[in-house]
Amino acid sequence: VSTGAMQYTSGSAVYNTGPAELSVLVRAWGGGGGGGGAYTVSPAVNAGGGGGGGQYSYNAMLTVAPCQMYTVQVGAGGPVGAAGASGTAGGTSYFGTTGTFAANGGGGGMPGTSNAPGGTGGTPGAGGTTFNGGAGGSGTTAVSYRGGGGGGSAGHTGAGGNGANGMTGLFAGVAAGGAAGAGTPGGAMGGAGGGGAL
């Protein structure tokens, strides 16, 4: 979350407005969703879907009151799911309250099933111009498997790119992980899908 010259990269904080401050410029990114956990049904492995990218919000003149304290919260990235469990959604970043100005996190990837779907990209939050995060790619089901790529974070000029679907190789060890979603200017790049082989 960025408010003018102040930048917050984790956790929560308080922003104090000055005696003549009536508006602030605020930018925020939601946290990325965690990838879904794999699920093994011997001899195959069902790889999880990638997490969705965080949404971006911007407001050049968000109204504030002088000499007041405003909560600033930075949404954390969602943890990867345990075996057979969904990934956790990314946290919401906000200024004041989630109803005043916010950027929503991406959804968690689904756990390993046949072509487990990726998480949805973060959808529009309150209080400004918004761009959605990219969706996570789906996982694969095979002896040689890869998880879906993470969706890209949105940025100041557009939505994040979608993560690529995992690909199955001809034999164990050659399958490529899902490609990361492309980050837009001002936004982070999505994480690549995990890999492995039995």
N, C-alpha and C. Protein backbone atom coordinates (compact mmCIF):
# COMPACT_ATOMS: atom_id res chain seq x y z
N VAL A 1 0.86 -1.18 0.00
CA VAL A 1 0.00 0.00 0.00
C VAL A 1 0.89 1.23 0.00
N SER A 2 0.61 2.18 -0.89
CA SER A 2 1.41 3.40 -0.97
C SER A 2 0.50 4.61 -0.80
N THR A 3 0.85 5.51 0.12
CA THR A 3 0.10 6.76 0.32
C THR A 3 1.08 7.91 0.16
N GLY A 4 1.10 8.46 -1.06
CA GLY A 4 2.06 9.54 -1.33
C GLY A 4 3.49 9.03 -1.19
N ALA A 5 4.24 9.64 -0.28
CA ALA A 5 5.64 9.25 -0.09
C ALA A 5 5.81 8.07 0.86
N MET A 6 4.73 7.63 1.49
CA MET A 6 4.80 6.51 2.43
C MET A 6 4.52 5.20 1.71
N GLN A 7 5.28 4.16 2.05
CA GLN A 7 5.06 2.85 1.44
C GLN A 7 5.05 1.79 2.53
N TYR A 8 4.07 0.89 2.46
CA TYR A 8 3.92 -0.18 3.45
C TYR A 8 3.95 -1.51 2.71
N THR A 9 4.79 -2.43 3.15
CA THR A 9 4.97 -3.68 2.42
C THR A 9 4.50 -4.92 3.18
N SER A 10 4.17 -4.79 4.45
CA SER A 10 3.67 -5.94 5.18
C SER A 10 2.97 -5.49 6.46
N GLY A 11 2.08 -6.34 6.96
CA GLY A 11 1.43 -6.09 8.25
C GLY A 11 0.48 -4.91 8.23
N SER A 12 0.31 -4.29 9.40
CA SER A 12 -0.60 -3.16 9.54
C SER A 12 0.14 -1.97 10.15
N ALA A 13 -0.40 -0.78 9.91
CA ALA A 13 0.21 0.46 10.40
C ALA A 13 -0.89 1.50 10.53
N VAL A 14 -0.52 2.68 11.00
CA VAL A 14 -1.45 3.80 11.13
C VAL A 14 -0.88 4.99 10.39
N TYR A 15 -1.72 5.61 9.56
CA TYR A 15 -1.34 6.82 8.83
C TYR A 15 -2.02 8.01 9.49
N ASN A 16 -1.23 9.00 9.91
CA ASN A 16 -1.75 10.20 10.56
C ASN A 16 -1.81 11.35 9.57
N THR A 17 -2.98 11.90 9.36
CA THR A 17 -3.11 13.03 8.44
C THR A 17 -2.68 14.33 9.13
N GLY A 18 -2.21 15.27 8.32
CA GLY A 18 -1.77 16.56 8.83
C GLY A 18 -2.94 17.51 9.07
N PRO A 19 -2.68 18.68 9.67
CA PRO A 19 -3.76 19.62 10.02
C PRO A 19 -4.49 20.21 8.82
N ALA A 20 -3.85 20.19 7.65
CA ALA A 20 -4.50 20.75 6.46
C ALA A 20 -4.69 19.69 5.37
N GLU A 21 -4.53 18.43 5.71
CA GLU A 21 -4.59 17.34 4.72
C GLU A 21 -6.04 16.92 4.49
N LEU A 22 -6.51 17.05 3.25
CA LEU A 22 -7.90 16.74 2.91
C LEU A 22 -8.03 15.56 1.95
N SER A 23 -6.91 15.14 1.35
CA SER A 23 -6.95 13.99 0.45
C SER A 23 -5.56 13.36 0.37
N VAL A 24 -5.54 12.08 -0.01
CA VAL A 24 -4.27 11.36 -0.18
C VAL A 24 -4.31 10.58 -1.49
N LEU A 25 -3.14 10.35 -2.06
CA LEU A 25 -2.99 9.48 -3.21
C LEU A 25 -2.66 8.09 -2.67
N VAL A 26 -3.47 7.10 -3.03
CA VAL A 26 -3.28 5.76 -2.49
C VAL A 26 -3.26 4.73 -3.62
N ARG A 27 -2.31 3.80 -3.52
CA ARG A 27 -2.25 2.63 -4.41
C ARG A 27 -2.18 1.39 -3.53
N ALA A 28 -2.76 0.30 -3.98
CA ALA A 28 -2.70 -0.93 -3.18
C ALA A 28 -2.80 -2.16 -4.08
N TRP A 29 -2.11 -3.22 -3.65
CA TRP A 29 -2.15 -4.51 -4.31
C TRP A 29 -2.63 -5.55 -3.30
N GLY A 30 -3.55 -6.41 -3.69
CA GLY A 30 -3.94 -7.52 -2.84
C GLY A 30 -2.90 -8.62 -2.89
N GLY A 31 -2.90 -9.48 -1.87
CA GLY A 31 -1.96 -10.60 -1.84
C GLY A 31 -2.34 -11.69 -2.84
N GLY A 32 -1.33 -12.40 -3.33
CA GLY A 32 -1.58 -13.51 -4.25
C GLY A 32 -2.08 -14.74 -3.50
N GLY A 33 -2.92 -15.54 -4.15
CA GLY A 33 -3.43 -16.77 -3.55
C GLY A 33 -2.40 -17.88 -3.58
N GLY A 34 -2.49 -18.80 -2.62
CA GLY A 34 -1.59 -19.95 -2.59
C GLY A 34 -2.05 -21.04 -3.54
N GLY A 35 -1.10 -21.81 -4.05
CA GLY A 35 -1.42 -22.93 -4.93
C GLY A 35 -2.07 -24.07 -4.17
N GLY A 36 -2.87 -24.88 -4.87
CA GLY A 36 -3.52 -26.02 -4.26
C GLY A 36 -2.54 -27.16 -4.02
N GLY A 37 -2.78 -27.95 -2.98
CA GLY A 37 -1.91 -29.07 -2.66
C GLY A 37 -2.15 -30.26 -3.58
N ALA A 38 -1.09 -31.05 -3.82
CA ALA A 38 -1.20 -32.24 -4.66
C ALA A 38 -1.89 -33.36 -3.90
N TYR A 39 -2.41 -34.32 -4.66
CA TYR A 39 -3.08 -35.47 -4.05
C TYR A 39 -2.65 -36.71 -4.83
N THR A 40 -2.09 -37.67 -4.14
CA THR A 40 -1.54 -38.85 -4.79
C THR A 40 -2.53 -40.01 -4.80
N VAL A 41 -2.75 -40.57 -5.99
CA VAL A 41 -3.50 -41.81 -6.15
C VAL A 41 -2.59 -42.70 -6.98
N SER A 42 -1.79 -43.52 -6.32
CA SER A 42 -0.73 -44.29 -6.98
C SER A 42 -1.24 -45.04 -8.21
N PRO A 43 -0.49 -44.98 -9.35
CA PRO A 43 0.83 -44.35 -9.49
C PRO A 43 0.77 -42.90 -9.94
N ALA A 44 -0.42 -42.35 -10.09
CA ALA A 44 -0.54 -40.98 -10.59
C ALA A 44 -0.49 -39.98 -9.45
N VAL A 45 -0.19 -38.73 -9.81
CA VAL A 45 -0.24 -37.62 -8.86
C VAL A 45 -1.11 -36.54 -9.48
N ASN A 46 -2.10 -36.09 -8.72
CA ASN A 46 -2.96 -35.01 -9.19
C ASN A 46 -2.38 -33.69 -8.66
N ALA A 47 -1.81 -32.90 -9.53
CA ALA A 47 -1.18 -31.64 -9.11
C ALA A 47 -2.23 -30.56 -8.90
N GLY A 48 -1.97 -29.67 -7.95
CA GLY A 48 -2.90 -28.59 -7.64
C GLY A 48 -2.85 -27.45 -8.63
N GLY A 49 -3.92 -26.66 -8.62
CA GLY A 49 -3.97 -25.46 -9.46
C GLY A 49 -3.19 -24.31 -8.85
N GLY A 50 -2.73 -23.39 -9.68
CA GLY A 50 -1.98 -22.23 -9.21
C GLY A 50 -2.88 -21.19 -8.54
N GLY A 51 -2.29 -20.39 -7.68
CA GLY A 51 -3.04 -19.33 -7.01
C GLY A 51 -3.29 -18.14 -7.92
N GLY A 52 -4.38 -17.43 -7.66
CA GLY A 52 -4.71 -16.24 -8.45
C GLY A 52 -3.90 -15.03 -8.03
N GLY A 53 -3.67 -14.11 -8.96
CA GLY A 53 -2.92 -12.89 -8.68
C GLY A 53 -3.75 -11.85 -7.95
N GLY A 54 -3.08 -10.98 -7.21
CA GLY A 54 -3.77 -9.93 -6.46
C GLY A 54 -4.28 -8.81 -7.34
N GLN A 55 -5.35 -8.17 -6.90
CA GLN A 55 -5.97 -7.06 -7.61
C GLN A 55 -5.27 -5.74 -7.23
N TYR A 56 -5.36 -4.75 -8.11
CA TYR A 56 -4.73 -3.44 -7.91
C TYR A 56 -5.79 -2.35 -7.85
N SER A 57 -5.64 -1.41 -6.90
CA SER A 57 -6.54 -0.26 -6.79
C SER A 57 -5.73 1.03 -6.69
N TYR A 58 -6.31 2.11 -7.21
CA TYR A 58 -5.62 3.40 -7.25
C TYR A 58 -6.63 4.54 -7.08
N ASN A 59 -6.28 5.52 -6.26
CA ASN A 59 -7.10 6.72 -6.12
C ASN A 59 -6.17 7.91 -5.88
N ALA A 60 -6.18 8.88 -6.81
CA ALA A 60 -5.28 10.02 -6.70
C ALA A 60 -5.73 11.04 -5.66
N MET A 61 -7.02 11.03 -5.28
CA MET A 61 -7.53 12.01 -4.33
C MET A 61 -8.57 11.37 -3.42
N LEU A 62 -8.13 10.45 -2.60
CA LEU A 62 -9.03 9.83 -1.64
C LEU A 62 -9.27 10.80 -0.49
N THR A 63 -10.52 11.11 -0.21
CA THR A 63 -10.86 12.10 0.81
C THR A 63 -10.53 11.61 2.21
N VAL A 64 -9.86 12.46 2.98
CA VAL A 64 -9.55 12.18 4.38
C VAL A 64 -9.87 13.42 5.21
N ALA A 65 -9.91 13.26 6.53
CA ALA A 65 -10.12 14.38 7.44
C ALA A 65 -8.80 14.76 8.10
N PRO A 66 -8.58 16.05 8.36
CA PRO A 66 -7.33 16.47 9.00
C PRO A 66 -7.18 15.90 10.41
N CYS A 67 -5.94 15.69 10.80
CA CYS A 67 -5.58 15.27 12.16
C CYS A 67 -6.32 14.01 12.60
N GLN A 68 -6.38 13.03 11.70
CA GLN A 68 -7.03 11.77 12.01
C GLN A 68 -6.07 10.60 11.78
N MET A 69 -6.37 9.47 12.40
CA MET A 69 -5.57 8.26 12.22
C MET A 69 -6.34 7.27 11.35
N TYR A 70 -5.66 6.75 10.32
CA TYR A 70 -6.26 5.79 9.39
C TYR A 70 -5.45 4.49 9.40
N THR A 71 -6.16 3.39 9.52
CA THR A 71 -5.49 2.09 9.49
C THR A 71 -5.03 1.77 8.07
N VAL A 72 -3.81 1.26 7.97
CA VAL A 72 -3.27 0.76 6.70
C VAL A 72 -2.97 -0.72 6.88
N GLN A 73 -3.58 -1.55 6.05
CA GLN A 73 -3.37 -3.00 6.14
C GLN A 73 -2.85 -3.52 4.82
N VAL A 74 -1.77 -4.31 4.89
CA VAL A 74 -1.19 -4.92 3.68
C VAL A 74 -1.58 -6.40 3.66
N GLY A 75 -2.26 -6.82 2.62
CA GLY A 75 -2.69 -8.21 2.51
C GLY A 75 -1.52 -9.13 2.22
N ALA A 76 -1.41 -10.19 2.99
CA ALA A 76 -0.33 -11.16 2.80
C ALA A 76 -0.68 -12.18 1.73
N GLY A 77 0.35 -12.78 1.14
CA GLY A 77 0.13 -13.86 0.20
C GLY A 77 -0.43 -15.09 0.91
N GLY A 78 -1.30 -15.84 0.24
CA GLY A 78 -1.90 -17.02 0.85
C GLY A 78 -0.95 -18.20 0.85
N PRO A 79 -0.92 -18.99 1.93
CA PRO A 79 -0.07 -20.18 1.98
C PRO A 79 -0.53 -21.25 0.98
N VAL A 80 0.42 -22.07 0.55
CA VAL A 80 0.12 -23.20 -0.32
C VAL A 80 -0.68 -24.24 0.47
N GLY A 81 -1.61 -24.91 -0.19
CA GLY A 81 -2.43 -25.91 0.48
C GLY A 81 -1.64 -27.15 0.85
N ALA A 82 -2.01 -27.78 1.95
CA ALA A 82 -1.44 -29.07 2.31
C ALA A 82 -1.91 -30.12 1.32
N ALA A 83 -1.37 -31.34 1.41
CA ALA A 83 -1.76 -32.41 0.48
C ALA A 83 -3.28 -32.58 0.45
N GLY A 84 -3.85 -32.46 -0.73
CA GLY A 84 -5.28 -32.62 -0.91
C GLY A 84 -6.13 -31.46 -0.45
N ALA A 85 -5.50 -30.32 -0.14
CA ALA A 85 -6.25 -29.16 0.36
C ALA A 85 -6.06 -27.95 -0.57
N SER A 86 -7.06 -27.07 -0.57
CA SER A 86 -6.98 -25.85 -1.38
C SER A 86 -5.94 -24.89 -0.82
N GLY A 87 -5.39 -24.07 -1.69
CA GLY A 87 -4.54 -22.98 -1.23
C GLY A 87 -5.39 -21.91 -0.58
N THR A 88 -4.76 -21.09 0.25
CA THR A 88 -5.47 -20.02 0.94
C THR A 88 -5.50 -18.75 0.09
N ALA A 89 -6.62 -18.07 0.09
CA ALA A 89 -6.73 -16.81 -0.67
C ALA A 89 -5.77 -15.76 -0.13
N GLY A 90 -5.32 -14.88 -1.00
CA GLY A 90 -4.48 -13.77 -0.58
C GLY A 90 -5.28 -12.75 0.23
N GLY A 91 -4.60 -12.01 1.08
CA GLY A 91 -5.26 -11.05 1.94
C GLY A 91 -5.62 -9.76 1.21
N THR A 92 -6.57 -9.04 1.78
CA THR A 92 -6.99 -7.75 1.25
C THR A 92 -6.13 -6.64 1.82
N SER A 93 -5.68 -5.74 0.95
CA SER A 93 -4.95 -4.54 1.38
C SER A 93 -5.94 -3.38 1.39
N TYR A 94 -5.86 -2.54 2.43
CA TYR A 94 -6.83 -1.44 2.48
C TYR A 94 -6.28 -0.24 3.25
N PHE A 95 -6.95 0.90 3.03
CA PHE A 95 -6.65 2.15 3.72
C PHE A 95 -7.93 2.60 4.41
N GLY A 96 -7.88 2.81 5.71
CA GLY A 96 -9.07 3.17 6.47
C GLY A 96 -9.86 1.94 6.84
N THR A 97 -10.75 1.51 5.94
CA THR A 97 -11.51 0.27 6.08
C THR A 97 -11.60 -0.38 4.71
N THR A 98 -12.05 -1.64 4.69
CA THR A 98 -12.20 -2.31 3.40
C THR A 98 -13.29 -1.68 2.55
N GLY A 99 -14.19 -0.92 3.18
CA GLY A 99 -15.24 -0.25 2.44
C GLY A 99 -14.85 1.13 1.93
N THR A 100 -13.69 1.65 2.40
CA THR A 100 -13.22 2.97 1.98
C THR A 100 -12.31 2.87 0.76
N PHE A 101 -11.28 2.06 0.88
CA PHE A 101 -10.33 1.86 -0.23
C PHE A 101 -9.66 0.51 -0.03
N ALA A 102 -9.74 -0.35 -1.03
CA ALA A 102 -9.21 -1.70 -0.85
C ALA A 102 -8.79 -2.33 -2.17
N ALA A 103 -7.85 -3.29 -2.06
CA ALA A 103 -7.44 -4.15 -3.17
C ALA A 103 -7.55 -5.59 -2.68
N ASN A 104 -8.32 -6.39 -3.38
CA ASN A 104 -8.59 -7.75 -2.94
C ASN A 104 -7.53 -8.75 -3.38
N GLY A 105 -7.36 -9.79 -2.56
CA GLY A 105 -6.39 -10.83 -2.87
C GLY A 105 -6.91 -11.83 -3.89
N GLY A 106 -5.98 -12.59 -4.47
CA GLY A 106 -6.35 -13.64 -5.41
C GLY A 106 -6.84 -14.88 -4.69
N GLY A 107 -7.62 -15.70 -5.38
CA GLY A 107 -8.15 -16.92 -4.78
C GLY A 107 -7.11 -18.02 -4.73
N GLY A 108 -7.28 -18.95 -3.80
CA GLY A 108 -6.38 -20.09 -3.70
C GLY A 108 -6.66 -21.12 -4.77
N GLY A 109 -5.61 -21.83 -5.21
CA GLY A 109 -5.79 -22.90 -6.19
C GLY A 109 -6.49 -24.10 -5.57
N MET A 110 -7.19 -24.85 -6.40
CA MET A 110 -7.90 -26.03 -5.93
C MET A 110 -6.93 -27.19 -5.72
N PRO A 111 -7.29 -28.11 -4.82
CA PRO A 111 -6.39 -29.25 -4.57
C PRO A 111 -6.38 -30.21 -5.74
N GLY A 112 -5.37 -31.10 -5.74
CA GLY A 112 -5.18 -32.02 -6.84
C GLY A 112 -6.35 -32.93 -7.12
N THR A 113 -7.00 -32.71 -8.24
CA THR A 113 -8.02 -33.59 -8.80
C THR A 113 -7.69 -33.66 -10.28
N SER A 114 -8.52 -34.24 -11.09
CA SER A 114 -8.27 -34.24 -12.52
C SER A 114 -8.33 -32.82 -13.04
N ASN A 115 -7.18 -32.30 -13.49
CA ASN A 115 -7.06 -30.93 -13.99
C ASN A 115 -7.60 -29.92 -12.98
N ALA A 116 -7.05 -29.94 -11.77
CA ALA A 116 -7.49 -29.04 -10.70
C ALA A 116 -7.43 -27.59 -11.15
N PRO A 117 -8.53 -26.84 -11.02
CA PRO A 117 -8.52 -25.45 -11.48
C PRO A 117 -7.68 -24.54 -10.60
N GLY A 118 -7.17 -23.49 -11.21
CA GLY A 118 -6.43 -22.48 -10.47
C GLY A 118 -7.37 -21.51 -9.77
N GLY A 119 -6.80 -20.70 -8.88
CA GLY A 119 -7.59 -19.71 -8.17
C GLY A 119 -7.97 -18.55 -9.06
N THR A 120 -9.05 -17.89 -8.73
CA THR A 120 -9.49 -16.72 -9.48
C THR A 120 -8.59 -15.52 -9.16
N GLY A 121 -8.44 -14.64 -10.11
CA GLY A 121 -7.70 -13.41 -9.86
C GLY A 121 -8.49 -12.49 -8.94
N GLY A 122 -7.78 -11.64 -8.20
CA GLY A 122 -8.44 -10.70 -7.30
C GLY A 122 -9.42 -9.81 -8.04
N THR A 123 -10.60 -9.62 -7.48
CA THR A 123 -11.66 -8.82 -8.11
C THR A 123 -11.73 -7.43 -7.49
N PRO A 124 -12.42 -6.47 -8.14
CA PRO A 124 -12.35 -5.07 -7.73
C PRO A 124 -12.71 -4.79 -6.27
N GLY A 125 -11.87 -4.01 -5.61
CA GLY A 125 -12.13 -3.52 -4.27
C GLY A 125 -12.77 -2.14 -4.33
N ALA A 126 -12.93 -1.52 -3.16
CA ALA A 126 -13.65 -0.25 -3.07
C ALA A 126 -12.73 0.96 -3.26
N GLY A 127 -13.33 2.06 -3.70
CA GLY A 127 -12.72 3.37 -3.56
C GLY A 127 -11.76 3.86 -4.60
N GLY A 128 -11.70 3.24 -5.78
CA GLY A 128 -10.77 3.76 -6.76
C GLY A 128 -10.84 3.06 -8.10
N THR A 129 -9.86 3.35 -8.96
CA THR A 129 -9.71 2.66 -10.24
C THR A 129 -9.09 1.30 -9.96
N THR A 130 -9.62 0.25 -10.57
CA THR A 130 -9.16 -1.09 -10.25
C THR A 130 -8.84 -1.92 -11.49
N PHE A 131 -7.90 -2.86 -11.32
CA PHE A 131 -7.61 -3.88 -12.34
C PHE A 131 -7.51 -5.22 -11.63
N ASN A 132 -8.09 -6.25 -12.26
CA ASN A 132 -8.11 -7.57 -11.65
C ASN A 132 -6.77 -8.29 -11.77
N GLY A 133 -6.53 -9.21 -10.83
CA GLY A 133 -5.37 -10.09 -10.94
C GLY A 133 -5.65 -11.21 -11.93
N GLY A 134 -4.60 -11.86 -12.39
CA GLY A 134 -4.75 -12.98 -13.32
C GLY A 134 -5.14 -14.25 -12.60
N ALA A 135 -5.81 -15.15 -13.32
CA ALA A 135 -6.21 -16.43 -12.75
C ALA A 135 -5.04 -17.41 -12.75
N GLY A 136 -5.04 -18.32 -11.78
CA GLY A 136 -4.02 -19.37 -11.76
C GLY A 136 -4.32 -20.44 -12.79
N GLY A 137 -3.28 -21.10 -13.28
CA GLY A 137 -3.45 -22.19 -14.24
C GLY A 137 -3.86 -23.48 -13.55
N SER A 138 -4.38 -24.42 -14.30
CA SER A 138 -4.81 -25.70 -13.73
C SER A 138 -3.64 -26.68 -13.64
N GLY A 139 -3.75 -27.60 -12.66
CA GLY A 139 -2.74 -28.64 -12.52
C GLY A 139 -3.02 -29.80 -13.47
N THR A 140 -2.12 -30.79 -13.47
CA THR A 140 -2.27 -31.95 -14.36
C THR A 140 -2.36 -33.23 -13.55
N THR A 141 -2.80 -34.28 -14.20
CA THR A 141 -2.90 -35.59 -13.57
C THR A 141 -2.12 -36.58 -14.42
N ALA A 142 -1.01 -37.08 -13.88
CA ALA A 142 -0.18 -38.04 -14.61
C ALA A 142 0.95 -38.50 -13.71
N VAL A 143 1.69 -39.52 -14.16
CA VAL A 143 2.86 -39.95 -13.41
C VAL A 143 3.89 -38.84 -13.40
N SER A 144 4.03 -38.12 -14.49
CA SER A 144 4.89 -36.94 -14.54
C SER A 144 3.97 -35.73 -14.56
N TYR A 145 4.03 -34.90 -13.55
CA TYR A 145 3.02 -33.86 -13.38
C TYR A 145 3.65 -32.52 -13.02
N ARG A 146 2.88 -31.46 -13.19
CA ARG A 146 3.28 -30.13 -12.75
C ARG A 146 2.05 -29.35 -12.33
N GLY A 147 2.22 -28.51 -11.32
CA GLY A 147 1.12 -27.65 -10.89
C GLY A 147 0.93 -26.50 -11.86
N GLY A 148 -0.23 -25.87 -11.78
CA GLY A 148 -0.50 -24.71 -12.63
C GLY A 148 0.31 -23.49 -12.18
N GLY A 149 0.59 -22.60 -13.12
CA GLY A 149 1.32 -21.37 -12.80
C GLY A 149 0.45 -20.38 -12.04
N GLY A 150 1.08 -19.57 -11.22
CA GLY A 150 0.36 -18.54 -10.50
C GLY A 150 -0.07 -17.41 -11.42
N GLY A 151 -1.20 -16.81 -11.14
CA GLY A 151 -1.65 -15.65 -11.91
C GLY A 151 -0.82 -14.42 -11.59
N GLY A 152 -0.66 -13.53 -12.54
CA GLY A 152 0.12 -12.30 -12.34
C GLY A 152 -0.66 -11.26 -11.56
N SER A 153 0.04 -10.48 -10.78
CA SER A 153 -0.57 -9.34 -10.09
C SER A 153 -0.94 -8.27 -11.10
N ALA A 154 -2.05 -7.58 -10.85
CA ALA A 154 -2.41 -6.44 -11.69
C ALA A 154 -1.48 -5.27 -11.40
N GLY A 155 -1.49 -4.29 -12.28
CA GLY A 155 -0.66 -3.11 -12.11
C GLY A 155 -1.40 -1.84 -12.49
N HIS A 156 -0.68 -0.75 -12.59
CA HIS A 156 -1.29 0.56 -12.81
C HIS A 156 -1.92 0.70 -14.19
N THR A 157 -1.50 -0.12 -15.15
CA THR A 157 -2.02 0.02 -16.52
C THR A 157 -2.88 -1.13 -16.99
N GLY A 158 -3.12 -2.13 -16.16
CA GLY A 158 -3.96 -3.22 -16.62
C GLY A 158 -3.97 -4.43 -15.72
N ALA A 159 -4.76 -5.42 -16.12
CA ALA A 159 -4.92 -6.64 -15.34
C ALA A 159 -3.69 -7.52 -15.42
N GLY A 160 -3.54 -8.40 -14.43
CA GLY A 160 -2.45 -9.36 -14.46
C GLY A 160 -2.73 -10.46 -15.46
N GLY A 161 -1.67 -11.10 -15.95
CA GLY A 161 -1.82 -12.20 -16.90
C GLY A 161 -2.20 -13.49 -16.19
N ASN A 162 -2.84 -14.40 -16.92
CA ASN A 162 -3.21 -15.69 -16.36
C ASN A 162 -2.02 -16.64 -16.34
N GLY A 163 -1.94 -17.45 -15.28
CA GLY A 163 -0.90 -18.47 -15.24
C GLY A 163 -1.20 -19.57 -16.24
N ALA A 164 -0.16 -20.19 -16.76
CA ALA A 164 -0.34 -21.28 -17.73
C ALA A 164 -0.71 -22.57 -17.02
N ASN A 165 -1.39 -23.46 -17.73
CA ASN A 165 -1.73 -24.76 -17.18
C ASN A 165 -0.47 -25.64 -17.10
N GLY A 166 -0.44 -26.53 -16.11
CA GLY A 166 0.67 -27.47 -16.03
C GLY A 166 0.68 -28.38 -17.25
N MET A 167 1.85 -28.90 -17.59
CA MET A 167 2.00 -29.75 -18.77
C MET A 167 2.53 -31.11 -18.36
N THR A 168 2.03 -32.16 -19.01
CA THR A 168 2.47 -33.52 -18.73
C THR A 168 3.56 -33.92 -19.70
N GLY A 169 4.65 -34.46 -19.18
CA GLY A 169 5.75 -34.90 -20.03
C GLY A 169 5.56 -36.33 -20.51
N LEU A 170 6.42 -36.78 -21.41
CA LEU A 170 6.35 -38.13 -21.94
C LEU A 170 6.80 -39.16 -20.91
N PHE A 171 7.69 -38.75 -20.01
CA PHE A 171 8.11 -39.64 -18.93
C PHE A 171 8.52 -38.77 -17.75
N ALA A 172 8.70 -39.40 -16.61
CA ALA A 172 8.95 -38.66 -15.38
C ALA A 172 10.13 -37.70 -15.52
N GLY A 173 9.92 -36.50 -15.06
CA GLY A 173 11.03 -35.54 -14.98
C GLY A 173 11.09 -34.51 -16.09
N VAL A 174 10.27 -34.62 -17.15
CA VAL A 174 10.41 -33.66 -18.24
C VAL A 174 9.26 -32.67 -18.32
N ALA A 175 8.25 -32.83 -17.49
CA ALA A 175 7.12 -31.91 -17.56
C ALA A 175 7.51 -30.54 -17.04
N ALA A 176 7.12 -29.50 -17.76
CA ALA A 176 7.44 -28.13 -17.37
C ALA A 176 6.36 -27.58 -16.45
N GLY A 177 6.77 -26.79 -15.47
CA GLY A 177 5.79 -26.13 -14.62
C GLY A 177 5.00 -25.11 -15.42
N GLY A 178 3.82 -24.79 -14.93
CA GLY A 178 3.02 -23.76 -15.59
C GLY A 178 3.76 -22.43 -15.58
N ALA A 179 3.70 -21.70 -16.68
CA ALA A 179 4.39 -20.41 -16.76
C ALA A 179 3.73 -19.38 -15.86
N ALA A 180 4.52 -18.46 -15.35
CA ALA A 180 3.98 -17.40 -14.50
C ALA A 180 3.14 -16.44 -15.32
N GLY A 181 2.10 -15.90 -14.69
CA GLY A 181 1.33 -14.85 -15.34
C GLY A 181 2.18 -13.59 -15.45
N ALA A 182 2.05 -12.86 -16.55
CA ALA A 182 2.85 -11.66 -16.77
C ALA A 182 2.41 -10.54 -15.84
N GLY A 183 3.35 -9.91 -15.16
CA GLY A 183 3.03 -8.75 -14.34
C GLY A 183 2.93 -7.52 -15.22
N THR A 184 1.99 -6.65 -14.93
CA THR A 184 1.87 -5.41 -15.67
C THR A 184 2.74 -4.34 -14.98
N PRO A 185 3.06 -3.23 -15.67
CA PRO A 185 3.90 -2.22 -15.04
C PRO A 185 3.35 -1.78 -13.68
N GLY A 186 4.19 -1.84 -12.68
CA GLY A 186 3.78 -1.50 -11.34
C GLY A 186 3.27 -2.68 -10.57
N GLY A 187 3.11 -3.83 -11.21
CA GLY A 187 2.61 -5.02 -10.53
C GLY A 187 3.65 -6.12 -10.54
N ALA A 188 3.53 -7.05 -9.60
CA ALA A 188 4.48 -8.14 -9.49
C ALA A 188 4.13 -9.25 -10.47
N MET A 189 5.12 -10.06 -10.78
CA MET A 189 4.91 -11.22 -11.64
C MET A 189 4.39 -12.38 -10.81
N GLY A 190 3.50 -13.18 -11.40
CA GLY A 190 2.99 -14.34 -10.68
C GLY A 190 4.05 -15.40 -10.52
N GLY A 191 3.88 -16.27 -9.52
CA GLY A 191 4.84 -17.35 -9.31
C GLY A 191 4.62 -18.48 -10.30
N ALA A 192 5.69 -19.21 -10.62
CA ALA A 192 5.58 -20.35 -11.52
C ALA A 192 5.03 -21.57 -10.79
N GLY A 193 4.42 -22.47 -11.52
CA GLY A 193 3.87 -23.68 -10.93
C GLY A 193 4.96 -24.60 -10.41
N GLY A 194 4.63 -25.36 -9.36
CA GLY A 194 5.59 -26.31 -8.81
C GLY A 194 5.73 -27.52 -9.70
N GLY A 195 6.79 -28.30 -9.49
CA GLY A 195 7.01 -29.49 -10.31
C GLY A 195 7.46 -30.67 -9.47
N GLY A 196 7.60 -31.80 -10.13
CA GLY A 196 8.05 -33.00 -9.46
C GLY A 196 7.66 -34.23 -10.25
N ALA A 197 8.14 -35.39 -9.83
CA ALA A 197 7.81 -36.63 -10.51
C ALA A 197 7.91 -37.77 -9.54
N LEU A 198 7.11 -38.80 -9.74
CA LEU A 198 7.19 -40.00 -8.91
C LEU A 198 8.33 -40.86 -9.39
